[in-house]
Amino acid sequence: MSDEKAPQLARDLTLYLLARFVLVAVIAWVLSLAGVPLLVALLIGLVVGLPLGLLLFRSLNARVTAGLAKRNEKRARARAELRAQLRGDTAGQSE
């Protein structure tokens, strides 16, 4: 099951990051066409792209957040089992 979820999380995270970068690039490109200097256009693209990306890519953001939460939950469970084993608790072991 973890073999199926890890590539899906990696794919979703990559898509989300690429979509955010493309959004910033498009905003900067439009502003540079309007005569705004490139550095200023990139800075405005970053500032405007942050909240706009959260709105436009809401479903992709939700998938990434859910995948990260599931991965963190699995890590926390494994960490708790390891600590139980190190303490010598036999109830914490799942054999």
C-alpha atoms as a PDB file:
ATOM      1  CA  MET A   1       0.000   0.000   0.000  1.00  0.00           C
ATOM      2  CA  SER A   2       2.832   2.424   0.781  1.00  0.00           C
ATOM      3  CA  ASP A   3       4.382   1.649  -2.617  1.00  0.00           C
ATOM      4  CA  GLU A   4       1.235   2.965  -4.314  1.00  0.00           C
ATOM      5  CA  LYS A   5       0.906   6.106  -2.154  1.00  0.00           C
ATOM      6  CA  ALA A   6       4.513   7.308  -2.322  1.00  0.00           C
ATOM      7  CA  PRO A   7       4.613   7.817  -6.114  1.00  0.00           C
ATOM      8  CA  GLN A   8       1.171   9.427  -5.988  1.00  0.00           C
ATOM      9  CA  LEU A   9       2.342  11.895  -3.333  1.00  0.00           C
ATOM     10  CA  ALA A  10       5.520  12.612  -5.290  1.00  0.00           C
ATOM     11  CA  ARG A  11       3.498  13.125  -8.470  1.00  0.00           C
ATOM     12  CA  ASP A  12       0.962  15.392  -6.780  1.00  0.00           C
ATOM     13  CA  LEU A  13       3.674  17.430  -5.073  1.00  0.00           C
ATOM     14  CA  THR A  14       5.605  17.822  -8.332  1.00  0.00           C
ATOM     15  CA  LEU A  15       2.467  18.882 -10.196  1.00  0.00           C
ATOM     16  CA  TYR A  16       1.574  21.377  -7.491  1.00  0.00           C
ATOM     17  CA  LEU A  17       5.043  22.934  -7.457  1.00  0.00           C
ATOM     18  CA  LEU A  18       5.157  23.127 -11.255  1.00  0.00           C
ATOM     19  CA  ALA A  19       1.698  24.691 -11.361  1.00  0.00           C
ATOM     20  CA  ARG A  20       2.753  27.342  -8.830  1.00  0.00           C
ATOM     21  CA  PHE A  21       5.940  28.128 -10.798  1.00  0.00           C
ATOM     22  CA  VAL A  22       3.980  28.363 -14.053  1.00  0.00           C
ATOM     23  CA  LEU A  23       1.495  30.703 -12.406  1.00  0.00           C
ATOM     24  CA  VAL A  24       4.285  33.010 -11.227  1.00  0.00           C
ATOM     25  CA  ALA A  25       5.890  32.879 -14.682  1.00  0.00           C
ATOM     26  CA  VAL A  26       2.622  33.730 -16.429  1.00  0.00           C
ATOM     27  CA  ILE A  27       1.948  36.667 -14.122  1.00  0.00           C
ATOM     28  CA  ALA A  28       5.513  37.942 -14.616  1.00  0.00           C
ATOM     29  CA  TRP A  29       5.245  37.500 -18.389  1.00  0.00           C
ATOM     30  CA  VAL A  30       1.982  39.449 -18.575  1.00  0.00           C
ATOM     31  CA  LEU A  31       3.435  42.225 -16.452  1.00  0.00           C
ATOM     32  CA  SER A  32       6.603  42.377 -18.542  1.00  0.00           C
ATOM     33  CA  LEU A  33       4.465  42.681 -21.684  1.00  0.00           C
ATOM     34  CA  ALA A  34       2.822  45.663 -20.033  1.00  0.00           C
ATOM     35  CA  GLY A  35       6.240  47.322 -19.654  1.00  0.00           C
ATOM     36  CA  VAL A  36       7.053  46.431 -16.052  1.00  0.00           C
ATOM     37  CA  PRO A  37      10.763  45.618 -15.490  1.00  0.00           C
ATOM     38  CA  LEU A  38      11.460  41.887 -15.256  1.00  0.00           C
ATOM     39  CA  LEU A  39      12.686  41.829 -11.649  1.00  0.00           C
ATOM     40  CA  VAL A  40       9.697  43.847 -10.458  1.00  0.00           C
ATOM     41  CA  ALA A  41       7.383  41.623 -12.520  1.00  0.00           C
ATOM     42  CA  LEU A  42       8.851  38.507 -10.882  1.00  0.00           C
ATOM     43  CA  LEU A  43       8.454  39.957  -7.406  1.00  0.00           C
ATOM     44  CA  ILE A  44       4.849  40.943  -8.109  1.00  0.00           C
ATOM     45  CA  GLY A  45       4.283  37.500  -9.620  1.00  0.00           C
ATOM     46  CA  LEU A  46       5.509  35.872  -6.430  1.00  0.00           C
ATOM     47  CA  VAL A  47       3.378  38.062  -4.180  1.00  0.00           C
ATOM     48  CA  VAL A  48       0.240  37.709  -6.286  1.00  0.00           C
ATOM     49  CA  GLY A  49       0.891  34.057  -7.141  1.00  0.00           C
ATOM     50  CA  LEU A  50       0.903  32.858  -3.534  1.00  0.00           C
ATOM     51  CA  PRO A  51      -2.748  33.516  -2.663  1.00  0.00           C
ATOM     52  CA  LEU A  52      -3.919  33.032  -6.245  1.00  0.00           C
ATOM     53  CA  GLY A  53      -2.269  29.614  -6.399  1.00  0.00           C
ATOM     54  CA  LEU A  54      -4.035  28.563  -3.212  1.00  0.00           C
ATOM     55  CA  LEU A  55      -7.355  29.439  -4.804  1.00  0.00           C
ATOM     56  CA  LEU A  56      -6.723  28.067  -8.287  1.00  0.00           C
ATOM     57  CA  PHE A  57      -5.072  24.817  -7.240  1.00  0.00           C
ATOM     58  CA  ARG A  58      -7.224  24.043  -4.198  1.00  0.00           C
ATOM     59  CA  SER A  59      -7.931  20.399  -5.079  1.00  0.00           C
ATOM     60  CA  LEU A  60      -4.283  19.662  -5.854  1.00  0.00           C
ATOM     61  CA  ASN A  61      -3.264  21.360  -2.606  1.00  0.00           C
ATOM     62  CA  ALA A  62      -5.775  19.210  -0.712  1.00  0.00           C
ATOM     63  CA  ARG A  63      -4.351  16.016  -2.256  1.00  0.00           C
ATOM     64  CA  VAL A  64      -0.799  17.015  -1.354  1.00  0.00           C
ATOM     65  CA  THR A  65      -1.830  17.929   2.196  1.00  0.00           C
ATOM     66  CA  ALA A  66      -3.698  14.629   2.640  1.00  0.00           C
ATOM     67  CA  GLY A  67      -0.737  12.658   1.306  1.00  0.00           C
ATOM     68  CA  LEU A  68       1.689  14.420   3.621  1.00  0.00           C
ATOM     69  CA  ALA A  69      -0.616  13.890   6.598  1.00  0.00           C
ATOM     70  CA  LYS A  70      -0.906  10.181   5.809  1.00  0.00           C
ATOM     71  CA  ARG A  71       2.878   9.880   5.482  1.00  0.00           C
ATOM     72  CA  ASN A  72       3.434  11.731   8.775  1.00  0.00           C
ATOM     73  CA  GLU A  73       0.875   9.543  10.522  1.00  0.00           C
ATOM     74  CA  LYS A  74       2.656   6.417   9.319  1.00  0.00           C
ATOM     75  CA  ARG A  75       5.999   7.784  10.500  1.00  0.00           C
ATOM     76  CA  ALA A  76       4.587   8.683  13.914  1.00  0.00           C
ATOM     77  CA  ARG A  77       3.170   5.172  14.292  1.00  0.00           C
ATOM     78  CA  ALA A  78       6.503   3.595  13.339  1.00  0.00           C
ATOM     79  CA  ARG A  79       8.315   5.921  15.759  1.00  0.00           C
ATOM     80  CA  ALA A  80       5.934   4.989  18.581  1.00  0.00           C
ATOM     81  CA  GLU A  81       6.463   1.274  17.886  1.00  0.00           C
ATOM     82  CA  LEU A  82      10.239   1.741  17.899  1.00  0.00           C
ATOM     83  CA  ARG A  83      10.111   3.613  21.206  1.00  0.00           C
ATOM     84  CA  ALA A  84       7.943   0.895  22.690  1.00  0.00           C
ATOM     85  CA  GLN A  85      10.434  -1.731  21.546  1.00  0.00           C
ATOM     86  CA  LEU A  86      13.331   0.233  23.005  1.00  0.00           C
ATOM     87  CA  ARG A  87      11.495   0.526  26.340  1.00  0.00           C
ATOM     88  CA  GLY A  88      10.881  -3.222  26.272  1.00  0.00           C
ATOM     89  CA  ASP A  89       7.106  -3.020  25.999  1.00  0.00           C
ATOM     90  CA  THR A  90       5.805  -6.165  24.372  1.00  0.00           C
ATOM     91  CA  ALA A  91       2.298  -4.750  23.902  1.00  0.00           C
ATOM     92  CA  GLY A  92       3.600  -2.146  21.443  1.00  0.00           C
ATOM     93  CA  GLN A  93       5.097  -4.769  19.123  1.00  0.00           C
ATOM     94  CA  SER A  94       3.042  -5.961  16.180  1.00  0.00           C
ATOM     95  CA  GLU A  95       4.534  -9.308  15.115  1.00  0.00           C
END
